[in-house]
Amino acid sequence: MMISFNHVILNLDCGGIIDLVSGERRTITTPNYPSNYDVNAVCNWLIRAPTGMKVQMDMDDMQLSDNGQACYHWLEVRYNLMGQRGPEQGEVYTTTNDELPSHMMLKFNSIFASDRQPQKGFSLTVKAVGKGCSVEPCVLGICTDLADGAYSCACSSGISGTNCDTVSDQSLIVTSNFDGNQKDFFANANDDVFDWTHRSHSNFPFLSSNIPSTPAYGVFLSQLIRYARASTNYTDFVLRARRLSDKLLRQGYVCDRLTSSLRKFYGRYGELVIHYDVPLSRMVDDILS
């Protein structure tokens, strides 16, 4: 669920909403910095970058009260999923693409363990940066992140363009298996001459293949069953079956064996065609003569 974070709970003397523009840097500090901050404070900052950009936070200075193992006071950085707690220490964070890439939440807390001695606090910088390689901009190449969210693409051989999306070598053959998370790329053909071969009933094997003949003829019988169930009248059934038998005969099937399969169909599945009131001899003539 997408949540809007326009409402932020604020102390009177810290926190707020910061709207960044491209190339802008803003400094955020604890109250009184570089002097010690006050205890019993909660400061929330919502930082928003322009649409299509991310927020990057750089920690310039940070001294918070701790015992060497655990923090008494902390800064929480919500840079991934805004509705969940974020890490409470670190140096550089950049928002991710998982939820709200243009939003970051910072929360300073000195209420917990308010009896502990406060320190000078922190000074950090936030800025709006591009998305870099996180959006996989290089179509056929390797992406390298640069400063401030910029990127560069090292293109594969025969490929050019800022995003490696142009075929510069026209002899290059670009293929794809449509598998995994790879990007698929197609270049225009040099002409419009294509070999469109229409193949119907492609599930019928040629007898010259390594498919045994008995299962091959069995497919003819199974198709007769399907035609009988789908046809609305005898003429429709014969038309379908005749078209198939003609094709199979051209593929090298033997008429006597097709006739045997038709007789087997009539004997085993006669209830499918009994309403046609047609004898077997006529059906054989109509389909295989």
C-alpha atoms as a PDB file:
ATOM      1  CA  MET A   1       0.000   0.000   0.000  1.00  0.00           C
ATOM      2  CA  MET A   2       1.374   3.432  -0.941  1.00  0.00           C
ATOM      3  CA  ILE A   3       1.496   5.814   2.035  1.00  0.00           C
ATOM      4  CA  SER A   4       1.825   9.600   1.871  1.00  0.00           C
ATOM      5  CA  PHE A   5       4.159  11.094   4.461  1.00  0.00           C
ATOM      6  CA  ASN A   6       3.160  14.743   4.233  1.00  0.00           C
ATOM      7  CA  HIS A   7       2.240  14.771   7.949  1.00  0.00           C
ATOM      8  CA  VAL A   8       5.336  14.696  10.172  1.00  0.00           C
ATOM      9  CA  ILE A   9       5.374  14.987  13.972  1.00  0.00           C
ATOM     10  CA  LEU A  10       7.769  17.800  14.831  1.00  0.00           C
ATOM     11  CA  ASN A  11       9.461  19.395  17.780  1.00  0.00           C
ATOM     12  CA  LEU A  12       9.110  23.143  17.753  1.00  0.00           C
ATOM     13  CA  ASP A  13      12.852  23.663  17.291  1.00  0.00           C
ATOM     14  CA  CYS A  14      13.873  20.824  14.934  1.00  0.00           C
ATOM     15  CA  GLY A  15      12.636  18.679  12.067  1.00  0.00           C
ATOM     16  CA  GLY A  16      10.538  19.576   9.064  1.00  0.00           C
ATOM     17  CA  ILE A  17       9.856  18.850   5.413  1.00  0.00           C
ATOM     18  CA  ILE A  18      12.705  19.546   2.989  1.00  0.00           C
ATOM     19  CA  ASP A  19      11.954  19.673  -0.734  1.00  0.00           C
ATOM     20  CA  LEU A  20      15.121  19.340  -2.798  1.00  0.00           C
ATOM     21  CA  VAL A  21      15.707  20.455  -6.366  1.00  0.00           C
ATOM     22  CA  SER A  22      18.168  18.773  -8.724  1.00  0.00           C
ATOM     23  CA  GLY A  23      21.751  19.637  -7.789  1.00  0.00           C
ATOM     24  CA  GLU A  24      20.795  21.150  -4.430  1.00  0.00           C
ATOM     25  CA  ARG A  25      22.528  20.189  -1.168  1.00  0.00           C
ATOM     26  CA  ARG A  26      20.984  20.844   2.241  1.00  0.00           C
ATOM     27  CA  THR A  27      22.618  20.484   5.658  1.00  0.00           C
ATOM     28  CA  ILE A  28      20.712  19.025   8.609  1.00  0.00           C
ATOM     29  CA  THR A  29      22.041  19.187  12.188  1.00  0.00           C
ATOM     30  CA  THR A  30      20.866  18.376  15.670  1.00  0.00           C
ATOM     31  CA  PRO A  31      19.731  21.345  17.764  1.00  0.00           C
ATOM     32  CA  ASN A  32      22.656  23.387  19.174  1.00  0.00           C
ATOM     33  CA  TYR A  33      25.248  21.700  16.917  1.00  0.00           C
ATOM     34  CA  PRO A  34      28.249  21.748  17.351  1.00  0.00           C
ATOM     35  CA  SER A  35      27.349  22.208  21.023  1.00  0.00           C
ATOM     36  CA  ASN A  36      25.587  19.377  22.819  1.00  0.00           C
ATOM     37  CA  TYR A  37      22.007  18.618  21.885  1.00  0.00           C
ATOM     38  CA  ASP A  38      19.207  18.560  24.455  1.00  0.00           C
ATOM     39  CA  VAL A  39      17.771  15.343  25.828  1.00  0.00           C
ATOM     40  CA  ASN A  40      14.056  14.530  25.648  1.00  0.00           C
ATOM     41  CA  ALA A  41      13.967  15.509  21.969  1.00  0.00           C
ATOM     42  CA  VAL A  42      12.462  13.790  18.949  1.00  0.00           C
ATOM     43  CA  CYS A  43      13.168  15.372  15.579  1.00  0.00           C
ATOM     44  CA  ASN A  44      11.667  14.146  12.299  1.00  0.00           C
ATOM     45  CA  TRP A  45      12.764  15.258   8.847  1.00  0.00           C
ATOM     46  CA  LEU A  46      11.022  14.241   5.637  1.00  0.00           C
ATOM     47  CA  ILE A  47      13.271  14.827   2.611  1.00  0.00           C
ATOM     48  CA  ARG A  48      11.673  14.787  -0.839  1.00  0.00           C
ATOM     49  CA  ALA A  49      13.527  14.737  -4.161  1.00  0.00           C
ATOM     50  CA  PRO A  50      11.956  15.556  -7.545  1.00  0.00           C
ATOM     51  CA  THR A  51      10.049  12.754  -9.255  1.00  0.00           C
ATOM     52  CA  GLY A  52      12.430  10.361 -10.997  1.00  0.00           C
ATOM     53  CA  MET A  53      15.313  11.097  -8.620  1.00  0.00           C
ATOM     54  CA  LYS A  54      16.545   9.662  -5.327  1.00  0.00           C
ATOM     55  CA  VAL A  55      17.620  11.129  -1.998  1.00  0.00           C
ATOM     56  CA  GLN A  56      21.218  10.590  -0.893  1.00  0.00           C
ATOM     57  CA  MET A  57      22.337  11.276   2.660  1.00  0.00           C
ATOM     58  CA  ASP A  58      26.032  11.762   3.592  1.00  0.00           C
ATOM     59  CA  MET A  59      27.014  11.773   7.262  1.00  0.00           C
ATOM     60  CA  ASP A  60      29.615  14.534   7.757  1.00  0.00           C
ATOM     61  CA  ASP A  61      29.966  14.357  11.544  1.00  0.00           C
ATOM     62  CA  MET A  62      28.269  12.240  14.193  1.00  0.00           C
ATOM     63  CA  GLN A  63      28.781  11.947  17.951  1.00  0.00           C
ATOM     64  CA  LEU A  64      25.853  10.495  19.872  1.00  0.00           C
ATOM     65  CA  SER A  65      25.719   9.170  23.419  1.00  0.00           C
ATOM     66  CA  ASP A  66      26.581   5.475  23.714  1.00  0.00           C
ATOM     67  CA  ASN A  67      28.442   3.000  25.913  1.00  0.00           C
ATOM     68  CA  GLY A  68      30.688   1.629  23.174  1.00  0.00           C
ATOM     69  CA  GLN A  69      28.280  -1.206  22.328  1.00  0.00           C
ATOM     70  CA  ALA A  70      24.787   0.269  22.276  1.00  0.00           C
ATOM     71  CA  CYS A  71      23.401   3.730  21.523  1.00  0.00           C
ATOM     72  CA  TYR A  72      21.574   5.697  24.201  1.00  0.00           C
ATOM     73  CA  HIS A  73      20.490   8.275  21.596  1.00  0.00           C
ATOM     74  CA  TRP A  74      20.314   7.674  17.848  1.00  0.00           C
ATOM     75  CA  LEU A  75      19.512   8.804  14.335  1.00  0.00           C
ATOM     76  CA  GLU A  76      17.189   6.485  12.391  1.00  0.00           C
ATOM     77  CA  VAL A  77      17.355   6.519   8.575  1.00  0.00           C
ATOM     78  CA  ARG A  78      14.314   5.271   6.668  1.00  0.00           C
ATOM     79  CA  TYR A  79      15.545   5.004   3.097  1.00  0.00           C
ATOM     80  CA  ASN A  80      14.003   1.713   1.936  1.00  0.00           C
ATOM     81  CA  LEU A  81      10.468   1.068   3.222  1.00  0.00           C
ATOM     82  CA  MET A  82       9.104   4.255   4.765  1.00  0.00           C
ATOM     83  CA  GLY A  83       6.684   2.493   7.088  1.00  0.00           C
ATOM     84  CA  GLN A  84       9.393   0.373   8.732  1.00  0.00           C
ATOM     85  CA  ARG A  85      12.203   1.300  11.070  1.00  0.00           C
ATOM     86  CA  GLY A  86      15.547   1.916   9.438  1.00  0.00           C
ATOM     87  CA  PRO A  87      19.167   1.527  10.577  1.00  0.00           C
ATOM     88  CA  GLU A  88      20.411   3.757  13.354  1.00  0.00           C
ATOM     89  CA  GLN A  89      23.985   4.290  12.216  1.00  0.00           C
ATOM     90  CA  GLY A  90      25.972   4.622   9.009  1.00  0.00           C
ATOM     91  CA  GLU A  91      27.716   7.073   6.722  1.00  0.00           C
ATOM     92  CA  VAL A  92      25.975   7.122   3.287  1.00  0.00           C
ATOM     93  CA  TYR A  93      22.417   6.084   2.431  1.00  0.00           C
ATOM     94  CA  THR A  94      20.568   6.378  -0.876  1.00  0.00           C
ATOM     95  CA  THR A  95      16.870   5.631  -1.205  1.00  0.00           C
ATOM     96  CA  THR A  96      15.931   2.457  -3.087  1.00  0.00           C
ATOM     97  CA  ASN A  97      13.355   1.646  -5.767  1.00  0.00           C
ATOM     98  CA  ASP A  98      11.312  -0.559  -3.441  1.00  0.00           C
ATOM     99  CA  GLU A  99       8.662   1.937  -2.313  1.00  0.00           C
ATOM    100  CA  LEU A 100       9.192   5.717  -2.461  1.00  0.00           C
ATOM    101  CA  PRO A 101      12.593   6.309  -4.083  1.00  0.00           C
ATOM    102  CA  SER A 102      12.194  10.101  -3.921  1.00  0.00           C
ATOM    103  CA  HIS A 103      11.506  10.166  -0.155  1.00  0.00           C
ATOM    104  CA  MET A 104      13.710   9.677   2.905  1.00  0.00           C
ATOM    105  CA  MET A 105      12.769   9.951   6.584  1.00  0.00           C
ATOM    106  CA  LEU A 106      15.273  10.907   9.313  1.00  0.00           C
ATOM    107  CA  LYS A 107      14.392  10.582  12.981  1.00  0.00           C
ATOM    108  CA  PHE A 108      16.596  11.756  15.843  1.00  0.00           C
ATOM    109  CA  ASN A 109      15.709  10.459  19.324  1.00  0.00           C
ATOM    110  CA  SER A 110      17.220  11.555  22.632  1.00  0.00           C
ATOM    111  CA  ILE A 111      14.226  10.664  24.830  1.00  0.00           C
ATOM    112  CA  PHE A 112      15.370   7.097  25.454  1.00  0.00           C
ATOM    113  CA  ALA A 113      17.965   7.063  28.238  1.00  0.00           C
ATOM    114  CA  SER A 114      17.395  10.761  28.815  1.00  0.00           C
ATOM    115  CA  ASP A 115      19.527  10.526  31.975  1.00  0.00           C
ATOM    116  CA  ARG A 116      22.631   9.974  29.814  1.00  0.00           C
ATOM    117  CA  GLN A 117      25.023  12.749  28.935  1.00  0.00           C
ATOM    118  CA  PRO A 118      24.268  14.238  25.492  1.00  0.00           C
ATOM    119  CA  GLN A 119      26.963  14.758  22.873  1.00  0.00           C
ATOM    120  CA  LYS A 120      27.512  17.268  20.035  1.00  0.00           C
ATOM    121  CA  GLY A 121      25.104  15.356  17.766  1.00  0.00           C
ATOM    122  CA  PHE A 122      25.438  15.211  13.997  1.00  0.00           C
ATOM    123  CA  SER A 123      25.756  17.209  10.827  1.00  0.00           C
ATOM    124  CA  LEU A 124      24.702  15.603   7.557  1.00  0.00           C
ATOM    125  CA  THR A 125      24.065  16.561   3.953  1.00  0.00           C
ATOM    126  CA  VAL A 126      21.118  15.504   1.792  1.00  0.00           C
ATOM    127  CA  LYS A 127      20.873  15.930  -1.970  1.00  0.00           C
ATOM    128  CA  ALA A 128      18.796  14.799  -4.922  1.00  0.00           C
ATOM    129  CA  VAL A 129      20.618  12.356  -7.213  1.00  0.00           C
ATOM    130  CA  GLY A 130      19.815  10.304 -10.297  1.00  0.00           C
ATOM    131  CA  LYS A 131      18.906   6.635 -10.108  1.00  0.00           C
ATOM    132  CA  GLY A 132      22.133   5.435 -11.698  1.00  0.00           C
ATOM    133  CA  CYS A 133      22.495   1.719 -12.416  1.00  0.00           C
ATOM    134  CA  SER A 134      19.643   0.753 -10.082  1.00  0.00           C
ATOM    135  CA  VAL A 135      17.174   0.977 -12.989  1.00  0.00           C
ATOM    136  CA  GLU A 136      19.441  -1.051 -15.335  1.00  0.00           C
ATOM    137  CA  PRO A 137      19.697   1.602 -18.062  1.00  0.00           C
ATOM    138  CA  CYS A 138      22.321  -0.197 -20.196  1.00  0.00           C
ATOM    139  CA  VAL A 139      20.428  -2.454 -22.616  1.00  0.00           C
ATOM    140  CA  LEU A 140      23.366  -4.423 -24.031  1.00  0.00           C
ATOM    141  CA  GLY A 141      26.292  -3.380 -21.872  1.00  0.00           C
ATOM    142  CA  ILE A 142      27.723  -3.118 -18.374  1.00  0.00           C
ATOM    143  CA  CYS A 143      26.648  -0.229 -16.137  1.00  0.00           C
ATOM    144  CA  THR A 144      28.970   1.620 -13.750  1.00  0.00           C
ATOM    145  CA  ASP A 145      27.672   3.999 -11.081  1.00  0.00           C
ATOM    146  CA  LEU A 146      29.222   7.463 -11.011  1.00  0.00           C
ATOM    147  CA  ALA A 147      28.915  10.308  -8.505  1.00  0.00           C
ATOM    148  CA  ASP A 148      25.516  11.818  -7.669  1.00  0.00           C
ATOM    149  CA  GLY A 149      23.503   9.061  -9.311  1.00  0.00           C
ATOM    150  CA  ALA A 150      25.043   9.358 -12.764  1.00  0.00           C
ATOM    151  CA  TYR A 151      26.168   6.265 -14.672  1.00  0.00           C
ATOM    152  CA  SER A 152      28.140   5.142 -17.692  1.00  0.00           C
ATOM    153  CA  CYS A 153      27.603   2.174 -20.011  1.00  0.00           C
ATOM    154  CA  ALA A 154      30.341  -0.023 -21.473  1.00  0.00           C
ATOM    155  CA  CYS A 155      28.637  -1.420 -24.576  1.00  0.00           C
ATOM    156  CA  SER A 156      29.036  -4.907 -25.983  1.00  0.00           C
ATOM    157  CA  SER A 157      30.841  -5.333 -29.296  1.00  0.00           C
ATOM    158  CA  GLY A 158      28.811  -3.954 -32.201  1.00  0.00           C
ATOM    159  CA  ILE A 159      26.524  -1.928 -29.887  1.00  0.00           C
ATOM    160  CA  SER A 160      26.654   1.821 -29.276  1.00  0.00           C
ATOM    161  CA  GLY A 161      24.639   4.645 -27.731  1.00  0.00           C
ATOM    162  CA  THR A 162      24.473   6.221 -24.280  1.00  0.00           C
ATOM    163  CA  ASN A 163      22.383   3.284 -23.049  1.00  0.00           C
ATOM    164  CA  CYS A 164      23.904   0.683 -25.414  1.00  0.00           C
ATOM    165  CA  ASP A 165      20.657   0.510 -27.339  1.00  0.00           C
ATOM    166  CA  THR A 166      21.850   1.002 -30.934  1.00  0.00           C
ATOM    167  CA  VAL A 167      23.202  -1.680 -33.271  1.00  0.00           C
ATOM    168  CA  SER A 168      26.192  -0.063 -34.977  1.00  0.00           C
ATOM    169  CA  ASP A 169      27.428  -3.250 -36.657  1.00  0.00           C
ATOM    170  CA  GLN A 170      24.692  -4.288 -39.102  1.00  0.00           C
ATOM    171  CA  SER A 171      26.241  -7.749 -39.484  1.00  0.00           C
ATOM    172  CA  LEU A 172      25.677  -8.394 -35.790  1.00  0.00           C
ATOM    173  CA  ILE A 173      23.138 -11.096 -34.940  1.00  0.00           C
ATOM    174  CA  VAL A 174      21.297 -10.283 -31.726  1.00  0.00           C
ATOM    175  CA  THR A 175      19.463 -13.188 -30.114  1.00  0.00           C
ATOM    176  CA  SER A 176      17.349 -13.668 -27.010  1.00  0.00           C
ATOM    177  CA  ASN A 177      16.006 -16.634 -25.081  1.00  0.00           C
ATOM    178  CA  PHE A 178      13.420 -14.562 -23.123  1.00  0.00           C
ATOM    179  CA  ASP A 179      14.725 -16.178 -19.951  1.00  0.00           C
ATOM    180  CA  GLY A 180      15.443 -14.752 -16.529  1.00  0.00           C
ATOM    181  CA  ASN A 181      15.762 -11.019 -15.972  1.00  0.00           C
ATOM    182  CA  GLN A 182      17.851 -10.236 -19.018  1.00  0.00           C
ATOM    183  CA  LYS A 183      16.835  -7.409 -21.337  1.00  0.00           C
ATOM    184  CA  ASP A 184      15.704  -8.431 -24.813  1.00  0.00           C
ATOM    185  CA  PHE A 185      16.780  -6.307 -27.758  1.00  0.00           C
ATOM    186  CA  PHE A 186      15.753  -6.449 -31.383  1.00  0.00           C
ATOM    187  CA  ALA A 187      17.084  -4.533 -34.377  1.00  0.00           C
ATOM    188  CA  ASN A 188      15.030  -3.795 -37.488  1.00  0.00           C
ATOM    189  CA  ALA A 189      15.530  -6.180 -40.390  1.00  0.00           C
ATOM    190  CA  ASN A 190      17.126  -4.808 -43.562  1.00  0.00           C
ATOM    191  CA  ASP A 191      14.207  -5.940 -45.711  1.00  0.00           C
ATOM    192  CA  ASP A 192      10.632  -7.123 -45.417  1.00  0.00           C
ATOM    193  CA  VAL A 193      11.033 -10.563 -46.993  1.00  0.00           C
ATOM    194  CA  PHE A 194      10.115 -13.256 -44.502  1.00  0.00           C
ATOM    195  CA  ASP A 195       9.456 -16.947 -44.865  1.00  0.00           C
ATOM    196  CA  TRP A 196       6.085 -17.379 -43.203  1.00  0.00           C
ATOM    197  CA  THR A 197       5.395 -21.121 -43.494  1.00  0.00           C
ATOM    198  CA  HIS A 198       1.933 -22.102 -42.323  1.00  0.00           C
ATOM    199  CA  ARG A 199       1.841 -25.479 -40.627  1.00  0.00           C
ATOM    200  CA  SER A 200      -1.443 -26.908 -39.415  1.00  0.00           C
ATOM    201  CA  HIS A 201      -1.798 -30.123 -37.391  1.00  0.00           C
ATOM    202  CA  SER A 202       1.917 -29.870 -36.622  1.00  0.00           C
ATOM    203  CA  ASN A 203       1.509 -32.498 -33.905  1.00  0.00           C
ATOM    204  CA  PHE A 204       1.259 -35.268 -36.541  1.00  0.00           C
ATOM    205  CA  PRO A 205       4.669 -36.878 -37.033  1.00  0.00           C
ATOM    206  CA  PHE A 206       6.123 -37.806 -40.393  1.00  0.00           C
ATOM    207  CA  LEU A 207       6.463 -41.561 -40.755  1.00  0.00           C
ATOM    208  CA  SER A 208      10.064 -41.050 -41.843  1.00  0.00           C
ATOM    209  CA  SER A 209      10.890 -39.780 -38.339  1.00  0.00           C
ATOM    210  CA  ASN A 210      11.868 -41.950 -35.389  1.00  0.00           C
ATOM    211  CA  ILE A 211       8.277 -42.001 -34.072  1.00  0.00           C
ATOM    212  CA  PRO A 212       6.831 -45.562 -34.133  1.00  0.00           C
ATOM    213  CA  SER A 213       4.045 -45.954 -36.694  1.00  0.00           C
ATOM    214  CA  THR A 214       1.439 -47.373 -34.301  1.00  0.00           C
ATOM    215  CA  PRO A 215       1.262 -44.252 -32.078  1.00  0.00           C
ATOM    216  CA  ALA A 216       1.305 -42.106 -35.238  1.00  0.00           C
ATOM    217  CA  TYR A 217      -1.844 -43.745 -36.581  1.00  0.00           C
ATOM    218  CA  GLY A 218      -3.322 -43.623 -33.078  1.00  0.00           C
ATOM    219  CA  VAL A 219      -3.215 -39.824 -33.265  1.00  0.00           C
ATOM    220  CA  PHE A 220      -5.548 -40.010 -36.288  1.00  0.00           C
ATOM    221  CA  LEU A 221      -8.034 -41.986 -34.215  1.00  0.00           C
ATOM    222  CA  SER A 222      -7.852 -39.482 -31.341  1.00  0.00           C
ATOM    223  CA  GLN A 223      -8.532 -36.616 -33.753  1.00  0.00           C
ATOM    224  CA  LEU A 224     -11.608 -38.396 -35.099  1.00  0.00           C
ATOM    225  CA  ILE A 225     -12.913 -38.538 -31.524  1.00  0.00           C
ATOM    226  CA  ARG A 226     -12.308 -34.800 -31.108  1.00  0.00           C
ATOM    227  CA  TYR A 227     -13.979 -33.969 -34.436  1.00  0.00           C
ATOM    228  CA  ALA A 228     -17.034 -36.074 -33.606  1.00  0.00           C
ATOM    229  CA  ARG A 229     -17.482 -34.273 -30.289  1.00  0.00           C
ATOM    230  CA  ALA A 230     -16.986 -30.817 -31.807  1.00  0.00           C
ATOM    231  CA  SER A 231     -18.949 -31.150 -35.080  1.00  0.00           C
ATOM    232  CA  THR A 232     -22.542 -30.002 -35.248  1.00  0.00           C
ATOM    233  CA  ASN A 233     -23.510 -32.302 -38.164  1.00  0.00           C
ATOM    234  CA  TYR A 234     -22.175 -35.080 -40.364  1.00  0.00           C
ATOM    235  CA  THR A 235     -21.042 -32.746 -43.163  1.00  0.00           C
ATOM    236  CA  ASP A 236     -18.934 -30.772 -40.692  1.00  0.00           C
ATOM    237  CA  PHE A 237     -17.411 -33.983 -39.289  1.00  0.00           C
ATOM    238  CA  VAL A 238     -16.534 -35.323 -42.738  1.00  0.00           C
ATOM    239  CA  LEU A 239     -15.018 -32.001 -43.811  1.00  0.00           C
ATOM    240  CA  ARG A 240     -12.660 -31.974 -40.848  1.00  0.00           C
ATOM    241  CA  ALA A 241     -11.753 -35.652 -41.096  1.00  0.00           C
ATOM    242  CA  ARG A 242     -11.265 -35.505 -44.891  1.00  0.00           C
ATOM    243  CA  ARG A 243      -8.971 -32.498 -44.641  1.00  0.00           C
ATOM    244  CA  LEU A 244      -6.857 -34.362 -42.072  1.00  0.00           C
ATOM    245  CA  SER A 245      -6.732 -37.653 -43.991  1.00  0.00           C
ATOM    246  CA  ASP A 246      -5.641 -35.869 -47.181  1.00  0.00           C
ATOM    247  CA  LYS A 247      -2.791 -34.236 -45.295  1.00  0.00           C
ATOM    248  CA  LEU A 248      -1.681 -37.493 -43.712  1.00  0.00           C
ATOM    249  CA  LEU A 249      -1.732 -39.317 -47.046  1.00  0.00           C
ATOM    250  CA  ARG A 250       0.558 -36.622 -48.455  1.00  0.00           C
ATOM    251  CA  GLN A 251       2.875 -37.203 -45.499  1.00  0.00           C
ATOM    252  CA  GLY A 252       3.211 -40.898 -46.406  1.00  0.00           C
ATOM    253  CA  TYR A 253       0.511 -42.473 -44.283  1.00  0.00           C
ATOM    254  CA  VAL A 254      -0.987 -45.663 -45.786  1.00  0.00           C
ATOM    255  CA  CYS A 255      -4.675 -45.554 -46.719  1.00  0.00           C
ATOM    256  CA  ASP A 256      -5.342 -49.122 -45.502  1.00  0.00           C
ATOM    257  CA  ARG A 257      -4.000 -48.324 -42.048  1.00  0.00           C
ATOM    258  CA  LEU A 258      -5.969 -45.078 -41.854  1.00  0.00           C
ATOM    259  CA  THR A 259      -9.042 -47.096 -42.834  1.00  0.00           C
ATOM    260  CA  SER A 260      -8.270 -49.554 -40.020  1.00  0.00           C
ATOM    261  CA  SER A 261      -8.073 -46.661 -37.561  1.00  0.00           C
ATOM    262  CA  LEU A 262     -11.401 -45.291 -38.831  1.00  0.00           C
ATOM    263  CA  ARG A 263     -13.045 -48.716 -38.406  1.00  0.00           C
ATOM    264  CA  LYS A 264     -11.629 -48.953 -34.890  1.00  0.00           C
ATOM    265  CA  PHE A 265     -13.063 -45.510 -34.117  1.00  0.00           C
ATOM    266  CA  TYR A 266     -16.489 -46.506 -35.438  1.00  0.00           C
ATOM    267  CA  GLY A 267     -16.495 -49.721 -33.363  1.00  0.00           C
ATOM    268  CA  ARG A 268     -15.280 -48.235 -30.102  1.00  0.00           C
ATOM    269  CA  TYR A 269     -16.850 -44.783 -30.195  1.00  0.00           C
ATOM    270  CA  GLY A 270     -19.935 -45.344 -32.333  1.00  0.00           C
ATOM    271  CA  GLU A 271     -22.105 -43.499 -29.814  1.00  0.00           C
ATOM    272  CA  LEU A 272     -20.417 -40.251 -30.917  1.00  0.00           C
ATOM    273  CA  VAL A 273     -21.654 -40.602 -34.526  1.00  0.00           C
ATOM    274  CA  ILE A 274     -24.738 -42.802 -34.210  1.00  0.00           C
ATOM    275  CA  HIS A 275     -26.990 -39.741 -34.463  1.00  0.00           C
ATOM    276  CA  TYR A 276     -25.621 -39.143 -37.987  1.00  0.00           C
ATOM    277  CA  ASP A 277     -27.363 -42.432 -39.035  1.00  0.00           C
ATOM    278  CA  VAL A 278     -24.571 -43.183 -41.508  1.00  0.00           C
ATOM    279  CA  PRO A 279     -23.166 -46.710 -42.041  1.00  0.00           C
ATOM    280  CA  LEU A 280     -19.432 -47.371 -41.703  1.00  0.00           C
ATOM    281  CA  SER A 281     -18.973 -48.127 -45.407  1.00  0.00           C
ATOM    282  CA  ARG A 282     -20.249 -44.697 -46.406  1.00  0.00           C
ATOM    283  CA  MET A 283     -18.107 -42.980 -43.772  1.00  0.00           C
ATOM    284  CA  VAL A 284     -14.993 -44.719 -45.096  1.00  0.00           C
ATOM    285  CA  ASP A 285     -15.848 -43.644 -48.672  1.00  0.00           C
ATOM    286  CA  ASP A 286     -16.584 -40.055 -47.627  1.00  0.00           C
ATOM    287  CA  ILE A 287     -13.350 -39.635 -45.617  1.00  0.00           C
ATOM    288  CA  LEU A 288     -10.781 -41.815 -47.411  1.00  0.00           C
ATOM    289  CA  SER A 289     -11.934 -42.399 -50.986  1.00  0.00           C
END
